[in-house]
Amino acid sequence: MDPESGFRVTSATSAPVQHLSAPIVFAPEGTTPLTACVVAVGNFDGVHVGHAAIAARLRAAAARLGVPGVVLTFDPHPASVLRPERAPTPLTTPRRRAELLLALGVDAVQVQPADAALLALEAEAFYGDVLRGRLRAQGIVEGADFRFGARRTGDVRLLETLCRRDGVELEVVPPVVVDGEPVSSSRLRALIAAGRVRDANTLTTAAYRLSGTVVTGARRGSGIGFPTANLAGITTLLPANGVYAARAHVAGEPFAAAVHVGPNVSFGESAISVEAHLVGFRGDLYGQSLDVDFLDRVRETRRFDTVDDLKAQLAIDVAAATGIVAEAAEPHRNA
């Protein structure tokens, strides 16, 4: 049992595929070994409402066939192996992605290492060795733009042919359209990079999260009455520079937070940092992991001429962030 997430994390016990690394399996405690399933394959980065639609159809197909519904995803993103200079910065860690997908009701999430051996598999070999061989898929649920296999040569049309040959059910889920545009991880990434986390959260199943380890900073915040937790080791996309209203989680307890992303320009710094002031928190967080869910942008980063000016603005920021968090319901949407 994973103490942070409450689900079981194991290596796959189903049939191995020669030359491929074993996936890491996230599943509720007590899950039985996989003997057959309905599977959905994809990156599922950000776990947005389009992914939720696939998860809902996966659950329905699994119930109809009497087998578990399993998501097969990848780490790292295959593009980071094939085209590292063009690879997108991830929106979710594998653990967070699994947590969100399990919250949507799927039975298990397998995170397959995306290495050279996997990416060299031709489309029919991926279907035969992984989907049919290892996972024993009786049904497959995919989005209309699904591609698979080396050089992404496999598409839904090929998948239809292979499934028809083997008597495997195939369900193709159309994209979810919001405000006239399909929801996608790329769309989410653009919104978050622009600091539009409130807009991004309308497209996701949970608020956008950054996770990191609290490290010692310059301790300026404590000196002016606004102590901050400085986060290091963040591997996901940072929102645009600015101050944000957020919800931080400490040992399962939520705290309203005002979070600054960017350089401390008032002190002449250029390095980007992530500093969270947890409203009402008293204690020592150094060395601990901290999850911070971003709800809305309060203002842009700017320079203040005096410490008193900065303190006055921080008080305004904290009040604004506290109000935003108080009004925000815990976000979670099942399609």
C-alpha atoms as a PDB file:
ATOM      1  CA  MET A   1       0.000   0.000   0.000  1.00  0.00           C
ATOM      2  CA  ASP A   2       1.336   3.434  -0.932  1.00  0.00           C
ATOM      3  CA  PRO A   3       0.988   5.627   2.213  1.00  0.00           C
ATOM      4  CA  GLU A   4       0.574   8.871   0.250  1.00  0.00           C
ATOM      5  CA  SER A   5      -2.079   7.789  -2.214  1.00  0.00           C
ATOM      6  CA  GLY A   6      -3.834   4.896  -0.498  1.00  0.00           C
ATOM      7  CA  PHE A   7      -3.536   2.532  -3.457  1.00  0.00           C
ATOM      8  CA  ARG A   8      -1.274  -0.405  -4.145  1.00  0.00           C
ATOM      9  CA  VAL A   9       1.810   0.019  -6.333  1.00  0.00           C
ATOM     10  CA  THR A  10       3.339  -3.140  -7.798  1.00  0.00           C
ATOM     11  CA  SER A  11       5.123  -4.469 -10.831  1.00  0.00           C
ATOM     12  CA  ALA A  12       2.977  -6.185 -13.445  1.00  0.00           C
ATOM     13  CA  THR A  13       2.190  -9.847 -12.782  1.00  0.00           C
ATOM     14  CA  SER A  14       0.581 -10.519 -16.166  1.00  0.00           C
ATOM     15  CA  ALA A  15       2.425 -12.109 -19.071  1.00  0.00           C
ATOM     16  CA  PRO A  16       5.799 -10.411 -19.704  1.00  0.00           C
ATOM     17  CA  VAL A  17       6.826  -9.193 -23.139  1.00  0.00           C
ATOM     18  CA  GLN A  18      10.319 -10.092 -24.204  1.00  0.00           C
ATOM     19  CA  HIS A  19      12.744  -7.154 -24.202  1.00  0.00           C
ATOM     20  CA  LEU A  20      10.193  -4.749 -22.660  1.00  0.00           C
ATOM     21  CA  SER A  21      10.507  -3.302 -19.173  1.00  0.00           C
ATOM     22  CA  ALA A  22       7.742  -4.297 -16.789  1.00  0.00           C
ATOM     23  CA  PRO A  23       5.168  -1.598 -16.087  1.00  0.00           C
ATOM     24  CA  ILE A  24       4.391  -0.228 -12.643  1.00  0.00           C
ATOM     25  CA  VAL A  25       0.805  -1.027 -11.676  1.00  0.00           C
ATOM     26  CA  PHE A  26      -1.354   1.284  -9.568  1.00  0.00           C
ATOM     27  CA  ALA A  27      -4.508  -0.359  -8.252  1.00  0.00           C
ATOM     28  CA  PRO A  28      -6.757  -0.401  -5.175  1.00  0.00           C
ATOM     29  CA  GLU A  29      -5.670  -2.707  -2.379  1.00  0.00           C
ATOM     30  CA  GLY A  30      -7.055  -6.198  -2.847  1.00  0.00           C
ATOM     31  CA  THR A  31      -7.105  -6.108  -6.643  1.00  0.00           C
ATOM     32  CA  THR A  32      -6.756  -9.603  -8.103  1.00  0.00           C
ATOM     33  CA  PRO A  33      -4.061 -10.442 -10.685  1.00  0.00           C
ATOM     34  CA  LEU A  34      -5.015  -9.481 -14.219  1.00  0.00           C
ATOM     35  CA  THR A  35      -6.244 -12.327 -16.443  1.00  0.00           C
ATOM     36  CA  ALA A  36      -8.188 -10.280 -19.020  1.00  0.00           C
ATOM     37  CA  CYS A  37      -9.339  -6.680 -19.349  1.00  0.00           C
ATOM     38  CA  VAL A  38     -10.702  -3.840 -21.388  1.00  0.00           C
ATOM     39  CA  VAL A  39      -7.884  -1.354 -21.977  1.00  0.00           C
ATOM     40  CA  ALA A  40      -7.454   2.275 -22.951  1.00  0.00           C
ATOM     41  CA  VAL A  41      -3.986   3.347 -24.104  1.00  0.00           C
ATOM     42  CA  GLY A  42      -2.570   6.856 -24.118  1.00  0.00           C
ATOM     43  CA  ASN A  43      -0.491   9.463 -22.346  1.00  0.00           C
ATOM     44  CA  PHE A  44      -3.501  10.832 -20.410  1.00  0.00           C
ATOM     45  CA  ASP A  45      -1.399  13.812 -19.344  1.00  0.00           C
ATOM     46  CA  GLY A  46      -3.388  16.273 -17.263  1.00  0.00           C
ATOM     47  CA  VAL A  47      -6.360  13.869 -17.000  1.00  0.00           C
ATOM     48  CA  HIS A  48      -8.855  16.262 -18.601  1.00  0.00           C
ATOM     49  CA  VAL A  49     -12.562  15.894 -19.361  1.00  0.00           C
ATOM     50  CA  GLY A  50     -11.766  14.178 -22.661  1.00  0.00           C
ATOM     51  CA  HIS A  51      -9.865  11.527 -20.746  1.00  0.00           C
ATOM     52  CA  ALA A  52     -12.779  11.286 -18.317  1.00  0.00           C
ATOM     53  CA  ALA A  53     -15.084  10.504 -21.246  1.00  0.00           C
ATOM     54  CA  ILE A  54     -12.789   7.651 -22.281  1.00  0.00           C
ATOM     55  CA  ALA A  55     -12.647   6.401 -18.685  1.00  0.00           C
ATOM     56  CA  ALA A  56     -16.449   6.370 -18.493  1.00  0.00           C
ATOM     57  CA  ARG A  57     -16.742   4.324 -21.672  1.00  0.00           C
ATOM     58  CA  LEU A  58     -13.961   2.049 -20.413  1.00  0.00           C
ATOM     59  CA  ARG A  59     -15.886   1.394 -17.201  1.00  0.00           C
ATOM     60  CA  ALA A  60     -19.059   0.642 -19.135  1.00  0.00           C
ATOM     61  CA  ALA A  61     -17.314  -1.767 -21.517  1.00  0.00           C
ATOM     62  CA  ALA A  62     -15.546  -3.493 -18.634  1.00  0.00           C
ATOM     63  CA  ALA A  63     -18.834  -3.968 -16.784  1.00  0.00           C
ATOM     64  CA  ARG A  64     -20.480  -5.342 -19.914  1.00  0.00           C
ATOM     65  CA  LEU A  65     -17.690  -7.874 -20.497  1.00  0.00           C
ATOM     66  CA  GLY A  66     -17.215  -8.697 -16.824  1.00  0.00           C
ATOM     67  CA  VAL A  67     -13.501  -7.853 -16.726  1.00  0.00           C
ATOM     68  CA  PRO A  68     -11.435  -5.009 -15.212  1.00  0.00           C
ATOM     69  CA  GLY A  69     -11.007  -1.682 -16.989  1.00  0.00           C
ATOM     70  CA  VAL A  70      -7.304  -0.844 -17.268  1.00  0.00           C
ATOM     71  CA  VAL A  71      -5.492   2.265 -18.484  1.00  0.00           C
ATOM     72  CA  LEU A  72      -2.057   1.801 -20.045  1.00  0.00           C
ATOM     73  CA  THR A  73      -0.010   4.982 -19.985  1.00  0.00           C
ATOM     74  CA  PHE A  74       3.658   5.844 -20.428  1.00  0.00           C
ATOM     75  CA  ASP A  75       6.550   7.448 -18.593  1.00  0.00           C
ATOM     76  CA  PRO A  76       8.272   9.460 -19.797  1.00  0.00           C
ATOM     77  CA  HIS A  77       6.277  10.910 -22.670  1.00  0.00           C
ATOM     78  CA  PRO A  78       7.454   9.030 -25.782  1.00  0.00           C
ATOM     79  CA  ALA A  79       8.428  12.328 -27.416  1.00  0.00           C
ATOM     80  CA  SER A  80      11.081  12.843 -24.741  1.00  0.00           C
ATOM     81  CA  VAL A  81      12.834   9.719 -26.038  1.00  0.00           C
ATOM     82  CA  LEU A  82      12.296  10.328 -29.754  1.00  0.00           C
ATOM     83  CA  ARG A  83      12.535  14.127 -29.910  1.00  0.00           C
ATOM     84  CA  PRO A  84      13.793  15.385 -26.547  1.00  0.00           C
ATOM     85  CA  GLU A  85      14.256  18.944 -27.776  1.00  0.00           C
ATOM     86  CA  ARG A  86      10.551  19.113 -28.678  1.00  0.00           C
ATOM     87  CA  ALA A  87       9.105  17.035 -25.856  1.00  0.00           C
ATOM     88  CA  PRO A  88       6.302  18.708 -23.884  1.00  0.00           C
ATOM     89  CA  THR A  89       6.801  19.418 -20.206  1.00  0.00           C
ATOM     90  CA  PRO A  90       4.501  17.018 -18.337  1.00  0.00           C
ATOM     91  CA  LEU A  91       1.359  18.235 -16.595  1.00  0.00           C
ATOM     92  CA  THR A  92       1.206  15.310 -14.167  1.00  0.00           C
ATOM     93  CA  THR A  93       3.621  12.921 -12.543  1.00  0.00           C
ATOM     94  CA  PRO A  94       2.894   9.226 -13.185  1.00  0.00           C
ATOM     95  CA  ARG A  95       1.657   8.846  -9.610  1.00  0.00           C
ATOM     96  CA  ARG A  96      -0.699  11.828  -9.876  1.00  0.00           C
ATOM     97  CA  ARG A  97      -1.967  10.632 -13.246  1.00  0.00           C
ATOM     98  CA  ALA A  98      -2.730   7.206 -11.770  1.00  0.00           C
ATOM     99  CA  GLU A  99      -4.426   8.763  -8.757  1.00  0.00           C
ATOM    100  CA  LEU A 100      -6.717  10.862 -10.966  1.00  0.00           C
ATOM    101  CA  LEU A 101      -7.553   7.969 -13.280  1.00  0.00           C
ATOM    102  CA  LEU A 102      -8.356   5.666 -10.377  1.00  0.00           C
ATOM    103  CA  ALA A 103     -10.603   8.399  -8.995  1.00  0.00           C
ATOM    104  CA  LEU A 104     -12.520   8.187 -12.280  1.00  0.00           C
ATOM    105  CA  GLY A 105     -13.332   4.570 -11.485  1.00  0.00           C
ATOM    106  CA  VAL A 106     -10.899   2.575 -13.618  1.00  0.00           C
ATOM    107  CA  ASP A 107      -9.700  -0.623 -11.988  1.00  0.00           C
ATOM    108  CA  ALA A 108      -5.962  -0.260 -12.545  1.00  0.00           C
ATOM    109  CA  VAL A 109      -3.375   1.969 -14.195  1.00  0.00           C
ATOM    110  CA  GLN A 110      -0.243   0.484 -15.725  1.00  0.00           C
ATOM    111  CA  VAL A 111       2.622   2.912 -16.311  1.00  0.00           C
ATOM    112  CA  GLN A 112       4.844   1.483 -19.025  1.00  0.00           C
ATOM    113  CA  PRO A 113       8.434   2.759 -19.250  1.00  0.00           C
ATOM    114  CA  ALA A 114       8.726   4.473 -22.637  1.00  0.00           C
ATOM    115  CA  ASP A 115      12.162   3.322 -23.683  1.00  0.00           C
ATOM    116  CA  ALA A 116      13.811   2.525 -27.004  1.00  0.00           C
ATOM    117  CA  ALA A 117      12.584  -1.100 -26.945  1.00  0.00           C
ATOM    118  CA  LEU A 118       8.951  -0.068 -26.570  1.00  0.00           C
ATOM    119  CA  LEU A 119       9.150   2.667 -29.177  1.00  0.00           C
ATOM    120  CA  ALA A 120      10.719   0.272 -31.683  1.00  0.00           C
ATOM    121  CA  LEU A 121       7.689  -2.032 -31.614  1.00  0.00           C
ATOM    122  CA  GLU A 122       5.778  -1.909 -34.868  1.00  0.00           C
ATOM    123  CA  ALA A 123       2.059  -1.233 -34.563  1.00  0.00           C
ATOM    124  CA  GLU A 124       0.932  -4.826 -35.071  1.00  0.00           C
ATOM    125  CA  ALA A 125       3.572  -6.080 -32.642  1.00  0.00           C
ATOM    126  CA  PHE A 126       2.404  -3.593 -29.997  1.00  0.00           C
ATOM    127  CA  TYR A 127      -1.163  -4.758 -30.478  1.00  0.00           C
ATOM    128  CA  GLY A 128      -0.246  -8.455 -30.469  1.00  0.00           C
ATOM    129  CA  ASP A 129       2.461  -8.531 -27.807  1.00  0.00           C
ATOM    130  CA  VAL A 130       1.246  -5.880 -25.366  1.00  0.00           C
ATOM    131  CA  LEU A 131      -2.496  -5.420 -25.767  1.00  0.00           C
ATOM    132  CA  ARG A 132      -3.437  -8.989 -26.630  1.00  0.00           C
ATOM    133  CA  GLY A 133      -0.431 -10.854 -25.214  1.00  0.00           C
ATOM    134  CA  ARG A 134       0.366  -9.234 -21.907  1.00  0.00           C
ATOM    135  CA  LEU A 135      -2.936  -7.524 -21.098  1.00  0.00           C
ATOM    136  CA  ARG A 136      -5.182 -10.130 -22.763  1.00  0.00           C
ATOM    137  CA  ALA A 137      -7.460  -7.344 -23.935  1.00  0.00           C
ATOM    138  CA  GLN A 138     -11.023  -8.399 -24.730  1.00  0.00           C
ATOM    139  CA  GLY A 139     -11.982  -4.820 -25.499  1.00  0.00           C
ATOM    140  CA  ILE A 140     -10.190  -1.583 -26.373  1.00  0.00           C
ATOM    141  CA  VAL A 141     -11.440   1.979 -25.872  1.00  0.00           C
ATOM    142  CA  GLU A 142      -9.600   4.841 -27.604  1.00  0.00           C
ATOM    143  CA  GLY A 143      -9.958   8.409 -28.760  1.00  0.00           C
ATOM    144  CA  ALA A 144     -10.476   9.093 -32.448  1.00  0.00           C
ATOM    145  CA  ASP A 145      -6.930  10.443 -32.871  1.00  0.00           C
ATOM    146  CA  PHE A 146      -5.227   7.412 -31.300  1.00  0.00           C
ATOM    147  CA  ARG A 147      -1.862   6.421 -32.827  1.00  0.00           C
ATOM    148  CA  PHE A 148       0.364   3.536 -31.826  1.00  0.00           C
ATOM    149  CA  GLY A 149       3.478   1.625 -32.747  1.00  0.00           C
ATOM    150  CA  ALA A 150       6.867   2.701 -34.078  1.00  0.00           C
ATOM    151  CA  ARG A 151       6.728   6.037 -35.911  1.00  0.00           C
ATOM    152  CA  ARG A 152       3.065   6.245 -34.860  1.00  0.00           C
ATOM    153  CA  THR A 153       2.096   4.283 -37.964  1.00  0.00           C
ATOM    154  CA  GLY A 154      -0.856   2.562 -36.304  1.00  0.00           C
ATOM    155  CA  ASP A 155      -4.187   4.390 -36.282  1.00  0.00           C
ATOM    156  CA  VAL A 156      -7.817   3.671 -35.454  1.00  0.00           C
ATOM    157  CA  ARG A 157      -8.419   2.168 -38.892  1.00  0.00           C
ATOM    158  CA  LEU A 158      -5.633  -0.403 -38.408  1.00  0.00           C
ATOM    159  CA  LEU A 159      -6.833  -1.055 -34.875  1.00  0.00           C
ATOM    160  CA  GLU A 160     -10.348  -1.738 -36.184  1.00  0.00           C
ATOM    161  CA  THR A 161      -8.950  -4.291 -38.625  1.00  0.00           C
ATOM    162  CA  LEU A 162      -6.907  -6.075 -35.938  1.00  0.00           C
ATOM    163  CA  CYS A 163      -9.759  -6.122 -33.435  1.00  0.00           C
ATOM    164  CA  ARG A 164     -12.254  -7.415 -35.995  1.00  0.00           C
ATOM    165  CA  ARG A 165      -9.851 -10.230 -36.883  1.00  0.00           C
ATOM    166  CA  ASP A 166      -9.538 -11.306 -33.252  1.00  0.00           C
ATOM    167  CA  GLY A 167     -13.094 -10.689 -32.079  1.00  0.00           C
ATOM    168  CA  VAL A 168     -12.015  -7.865 -29.773  1.00  0.00           C
ATOM    169  CA  GLU A 169     -14.539  -5.132 -29.023  1.00  0.00           C
ATOM    170  CA  LEU A 170     -13.380  -1.665 -30.078  1.00  0.00           C
ATOM    171  CA  GLU A 171     -15.012   1.576 -29.028  1.00  0.00           C
ATOM    172  CA  VAL A 172     -13.824   4.889 -30.455  1.00  0.00           C
ATOM    173  CA  VAL A 173     -14.695   7.915 -28.321  1.00  0.00           C
ATOM    174  CA  PRO A 174     -15.149  11.273 -30.076  1.00  0.00           C
ATOM    175  CA  PRO A 175     -13.290  14.294 -28.662  1.00  0.00           C
ATOM    176  CA  VAL A 176     -14.946  16.411 -25.989  1.00  0.00           C
ATOM    177  CA  VAL A 177     -15.476  19.933 -27.313  1.00  0.00           C
ATOM    178  CA  VAL A 178     -15.585  22.926 -24.965  1.00  0.00           C
ATOM    179  CA  ASP A 179     -16.099  26.452 -26.288  1.00  0.00           C
ATOM    180  CA  GLY A 180     -15.855  25.163 -29.829  1.00  0.00           C
ATOM    181  CA  GLU A 181     -12.442  23.562 -29.411  1.00  0.00           C
ATOM    182  CA  PRO A 182     -11.492  19.953 -28.597  1.00  0.00           C
ATOM    183  CA  VAL A 183     -10.066  19.462 -25.136  1.00  0.00           C
ATOM    184  CA  SER A 184      -6.486  18.201 -25.270  1.00  0.00           C
ATOM    185  CA  SER A 185      -3.338  18.094 -23.179  1.00  0.00           C
ATOM    186  CA  SER A 186      -1.782  20.614 -25.569  1.00  0.00           C
ATOM    187  CA  ARG A 187      -4.639  23.032 -24.939  1.00  0.00           C
ATOM    188  CA  LEU A 188      -4.213  22.604 -21.189  1.00  0.00           C
ATOM    189  CA  ARG A 189      -0.476  23.128 -21.478  1.00  0.00           C
ATOM    190  CA  ALA A 190      -0.945  26.428 -23.316  1.00  0.00           C
ATOM    191  CA  LEU A 191      -3.415  27.730 -20.731  1.00  0.00           C
ATOM    192  CA  ILE A 192      -1.197  26.830 -17.781  1.00  0.00           C
ATOM    193  CA  ALA A 193       1.917  28.274 -19.414  1.00  0.00           C
ATOM    194  CA  ALA A 194      -0.017  31.516 -19.817  1.00  0.00           C
ATOM    195  CA  GLY A 195      -1.039  31.511 -16.149  1.00  0.00           C
ATOM    196  CA  ARG A 196      -4.691  30.847 -16.944  1.00  0.00           C
ATOM    197  CA  VAL A 197      -5.076  28.096 -14.347  1.00  0.00           C
ATOM    198  CA  ARG A 198      -8.720  28.947 -13.658  1.00  0.00           C
ATOM    199  CA  ASP A 199      -9.558  28.337 -17.325  1.00  0.00           C
ATOM    200  CA  ALA A 200      -7.423  25.185 -17.374  1.00  0.00           C
ATOM    201  CA  ASN A 201      -9.264  23.808 -14.352  1.00  0.00           C
ATOM    202  CA  THR A 202     -12.586  23.993 -16.203  1.00  0.00           C
ATOM    203  CA  LEU A 203     -11.167  21.369 -18.586  1.00  0.00           C
ATOM    204  CA  THR A 204      -9.675  18.986 -16.029  1.00  0.00           C
ATOM    205  CA  THR A 205     -10.992  16.503 -13.483  1.00  0.00           C
ATOM    206  CA  ALA A 206      -9.076  18.155 -10.628  1.00  0.00           C
ATOM    207  CA  ALA A 207      -7.252  21.421 -10.034  1.00  0.00           C
ATOM    208  CA  TYR A 208      -3.784  21.780 -11.547  1.00  0.00           C
ATOM    209  CA  ARG A 209      -1.196  20.541  -9.047  1.00  0.00           C
ATOM    210  CA  LEU A 210       2.487  21.173  -8.425  1.00  0.00           C
ATOM    211  CA  SER A 211       4.321  18.816  -6.077  1.00  0.00           C
ATOM    212  CA  GLY A 212       7.763  19.361  -4.632  1.00  0.00           C
ATOM    213  CA  THR A 213       9.983  19.061  -1.596  1.00  0.00           C
ATOM    214  CA  VAL A 214      10.170  21.945   0.859  1.00  0.00           C
ATOM    215  CA  VAL A 215      13.714  23.306   1.029  1.00  0.00           C
ATOM    216  CA  THR A 216      15.400  26.109   2.893  1.00  0.00           C
ATOM    217  CA  GLY A 217      15.155  29.461   1.123  1.00  0.00           C
ATOM    218  CA  ALA A 218      16.403  32.930   1.948  1.00  0.00           C
ATOM    219  CA  ARG A 219      13.902  33.130   4.849  1.00  0.00           C
ATOM    220  CA  ARG A 220      12.888  36.664   3.846  1.00  0.00           C
ATOM    221  CA  GLY A 221       9.207  35.795   4.147  1.00  0.00           C
ATOM    222  CA  SER A 222       9.501  34.903   7.829  1.00  0.00           C
ATOM    223  CA  GLY A 223      11.276  38.172   8.470  1.00  0.00           C
ATOM    224  CA  ILE A 224       8.377  40.226   7.110  1.00  0.00           C
ATOM    225  CA  GLY A 225       5.541  38.156   8.563  1.00  0.00           C
ATOM    226  CA  PHE A 226       4.772  35.955   5.552  1.00  0.00           C
ATOM    227  CA  PRO A 227       6.734  32.695   5.898  1.00  0.00           C
ATOM    228  CA  THR A 228       6.822  30.593   2.771  1.00  0.00           C
ATOM    229  CA  ALA A 229       7.474  26.976   1.850  1.00  0.00           C
ATOM    230  CA  ASN A 230      10.000  26.916  -0.988  1.00  0.00           C
ATOM    231  CA  LEU A 231       9.398  23.996  -3.344  1.00  0.00           C
ATOM    232  CA  ALA A 232      12.194  22.186  -5.180  1.00  0.00           C
ATOM    233  CA  GLY A 233      12.227  19.113  -7.391  1.00  0.00           C
ATOM    234  CA  ILE A 234       9.107  20.060  -9.361  1.00  0.00           C
ATOM    235  CA  THR A 235       9.000  18.045 -12.590  1.00  0.00           C
ATOM    236  CA  THR A 236       5.775  19.365 -14.102  1.00  0.00           C
ATOM    237  CA  LEU A 237       4.950  22.538 -16.004  1.00  0.00           C
ATOM    238  CA  LEU A 238       5.166  25.782 -14.019  1.00  0.00           C
ATOM    239  CA  PRO A 239       2.419  28.337 -14.567  1.00  0.00           C
ATOM    240  CA  ALA A 240       3.450  31.758 -15.850  1.00  0.00           C
ATOM    241  CA  ASN A 241       5.180  34.036 -13.355  1.00  0.00           C
ATOM    242  CA  GLY A 242       2.771  35.561 -10.893  1.00  0.00           C
ATOM    243  CA  VAL A 243       0.914  35.183  -7.608  1.00  0.00           C
ATOM    244  CA  TYR A 244      -1.751  32.487  -7.397  1.00  0.00           C
ATOM    245  CA  ALA A 245      -4.518  31.390  -5.072  1.00  0.00           C
ATOM    246  CA  ALA A 246      -4.026  27.741  -4.231  1.00  0.00           C
ATOM    247  CA  ARG A 247      -4.905  24.940  -1.868  1.00  0.00           C
ATOM    248  CA  ALA A 248      -1.936  23.251  -0.175  1.00  0.00           C
ATOM    249  CA  HIS A 249      -2.167  19.824   1.453  1.00  0.00           C
ATOM    250  CA  VAL A 250      -0.257  18.994   4.641  1.00  0.00           C
ATOM    251  CA  ALA A 251      -0.799  15.492   6.050  1.00  0.00           C
ATOM    252  CA  GLY A 252      -4.226  15.394   4.434  1.00  0.00           C
ATOM    253  CA  GLU A 253      -5.276  18.794   5.800  1.00  0.00           C
ATOM    254  CA  PRO A 254      -5.972  21.575   3.272  1.00  0.00           C
ATOM    255  CA  PHE A 255      -4.705  25.130   3.736  1.00  0.00           C
ATOM    256  CA  ALA A 256      -5.460  28.203   1.677  1.00  0.00           C
ATOM    257  CA  ALA A 257      -2.229  29.431   0.129  1.00  0.00           C
ATOM    258  CA  ALA A 258      -0.845  32.393  -1.766  1.00  0.00           C
ATOM    259  CA  VAL A 259       1.847  31.089  -4.097  1.00  0.00           C
ATOM    260  CA  HIS A 260       4.434  33.114  -5.986  1.00  0.00           C
ATOM    261  CA  VAL A 261       5.963  31.595  -9.105  1.00  0.00           C
ATOM    262  CA  GLY A 262       8.901  33.432 -10.615  1.00  0.00           C
ATOM    263  CA  PRO A 263      11.991  35.396  -9.613  1.00  0.00           C
ATOM    264  CA  ASN A 264      12.091  37.583  -6.492  1.00  0.00           C
ATOM    265  CA  VAL A 265      12.633  40.735  -8.515  1.00  0.00           C
ATOM    266  CA  SER A 266      12.234  43.021  -5.490  1.00  0.00           C
ATOM    267  CA  PHE A 267      15.452  41.492  -4.155  1.00  0.00           C
ATOM    268  CA  GLY A 268      17.306  41.545  -7.464  1.00  0.00           C
ATOM    269  CA  GLU A 269      17.010  37.827  -8.171  1.00  0.00           C
ATOM    270  CA  SER A 270      16.510  36.242 -11.595  1.00  0.00           C
ATOM    271  CA  ALA A 271      16.145  32.551 -10.689  1.00  0.00           C
ATOM    272  CA  ILE A 272      12.594  31.219 -10.794  1.00  0.00           C
ATOM    273  CA  SER A 273      11.266  29.841  -7.511  1.00  0.00           C
ATOM    274  CA  VAL A 274       7.950  28.537  -6.215  1.00  0.00           C
ATOM    275  CA  GLU A 275       7.078  29.862  -2.750  1.00  0.00           C
ATOM    276  CA  ALA A 276       3.826  29.087  -0.960  1.00  0.00           C
ATOM    277  CA  HIS A 277       2.499  30.971   2.057  1.00  0.00           C
ATOM    278  CA  LEU A 278       0.086  28.628   3.852  1.00  0.00           C
ATOM    279  CA  VAL A 279      -2.554  30.696   5.609  1.00  0.00           C
ATOM    280  CA  GLY A 280      -2.851  29.741   9.269  1.00  0.00           C
ATOM    281  CA  PHE A 281      -0.197  27.040   9.174  1.00  0.00           C
ATOM    282  CA  ARG A 282       2.258  26.814  12.053  1.00  0.00           C
ATOM    283  CA  GLY A 283       4.975  24.208  11.877  1.00  0.00           C
ATOM    284  CA  ASP A 284       8.091  22.967  10.133  1.00  0.00           C
ATOM    285  CA  LEU A 285       7.742  21.596   6.614  1.00  0.00           C
ATOM    286  CA  TYR A 286      11.424  21.338   5.690  1.00  0.00           C
ATOM    287  CA  GLY A 287      12.215  18.111   3.876  1.00  0.00           C
ATOM    288  CA  GLN A 288       8.555  17.189   3.432  1.00  0.00           C
ATOM    289  CA  SER A 289       6.669  16.720   0.175  1.00  0.00           C
ATOM    290  CA  LEU A 290       4.007  19.328  -0.477  1.00  0.00           C
ATOM    291  CA  ASP A 291       1.130  19.239  -2.974  1.00  0.00           C
ATOM    292  CA  VAL A 292      -0.246  22.591  -4.109  1.00  0.00           C
ATOM    293  CA  ASP A 293      -3.414  22.856  -6.213  1.00  0.00           C
ATOM    294  CA  PHE A 294      -3.617  26.069  -8.237  1.00  0.00           C
ATOM    295  CA  LEU A 295      -7.048  27.723  -8.456  1.00  0.00           C
ATOM    296  CA  ASP A 296      -6.618  31.183  -9.981  1.00  0.00           C
ATOM    297  CA  ARG A 297      -4.065  33.868 -10.766  1.00  0.00           C
ATOM    298  CA  VAL A 298      -4.161  36.856  -8.420  1.00  0.00           C
ATOM    299  CA  ARG A 299      -1.637  39.138 -10.131  1.00  0.00           C
ATOM    300  CA  GLU A 300       1.543  39.256 -12.168  1.00  0.00           C
ATOM    301  CA  THR A 301       5.026  39.374 -10.681  1.00  0.00           C
ATOM    302  CA  ARG A 302       6.267  42.903 -10.124  1.00  0.00           C
ATOM    303  CA  ARG A 303       9.018  44.777  -8.322  1.00  0.00           C
ATOM    304  CA  PHE A 304       8.420  46.756  -5.131  1.00  0.00           C
ATOM    305  CA  ASP A 305      10.686  49.636  -4.123  1.00  0.00           C
ATOM    306  CA  THR A 306      10.434  49.129  -0.366  1.00  0.00           C
ATOM    307  CA  VAL A 307       9.836  46.246   2.014  1.00  0.00           C
ATOM    308  CA  ASP A 308       6.800  48.078   3.394  1.00  0.00           C
ATOM    309  CA  ASP A 309       5.291  48.269  -0.091  1.00  0.00           C
ATOM    310  CA  LEU A 310       5.912  44.537  -0.536  1.00  0.00           C
ATOM    311  CA  LYS A 311       4.341  43.709   2.859  1.00  0.00           C
ATOM    312  CA  ALA A 312       1.254  45.747   2.041  1.00  0.00           C
ATOM    313  CA  GLN A 313       0.826  43.940  -1.272  1.00  0.00           C
ATOM    314  CA  LEU A 314       1.398  40.535   0.313  1.00  0.00           C
ATOM    315  CA  ALA A 315      -1.402  41.218   2.779  1.00  0.00           C
ATOM    316  CA  ILE A 316      -3.694  42.012  -0.165  1.00  0.00           C
ATOM    317  CA  ASP A 317      -2.540  38.888  -2.001  1.00  0.00           C
ATOM    318  CA  VAL A 318      -3.173  36.624   0.997  1.00  0.00           C
ATOM    319  CA  ALA A 319      -6.646  38.071   1.521  1.00  0.00           C
ATOM    320  CA  ALA A 320      -7.482  37.603  -2.158  1.00  0.00           C
ATOM    321  CA  ALA A 321      -6.148  34.038  -2.197  1.00  0.00           C
ATOM    322  CA  THR A 322      -8.025  33.132   0.982  1.00  0.00           C
ATOM    323  CA  GLY A 323     -11.275  34.389  -0.516  1.00  0.00           C
ATOM    324  CA  ILE A 324     -10.779  32.475  -3.765  1.00  0.00           C
ATOM    325  CA  VAL A 325     -10.023  29.232  -1.931  1.00  0.00           C
ATOM    326  CA  ALA A 326     -13.031  29.688   0.353  1.00  0.00           C
ATOM    327  CA  GLU A 327     -15.332  30.042  -2.652  1.00  0.00           C
ATOM    328  CA  ALA A 328     -13.853  27.102  -4.571  1.00  0.00           C
ATOM    329  CA  ALA A 329     -15.398  23.687  -4.120  1.00  0.00           C
ATOM    330  CA  GLU A 330     -13.107  20.672  -4.158  1.00  0.00           C
ATOM    331  CA  PRO A 331     -12.979  20.028  -7.927  1.00  0.00           C
ATOM    332  CA  HIS A 332     -13.665  16.581  -9.294  1.00  0.00           C
ATOM    333  CA  ARG A 333     -15.682  15.653 -12.320  1.00  0.00           C
ATOM    334  CA  ASN A 334     -16.600  12.197 -13.566  1.00  0.00           C
ATOM    335  CA  ALA A 335     -17.789  12.047 -17.143  1.00  0.00           C
END
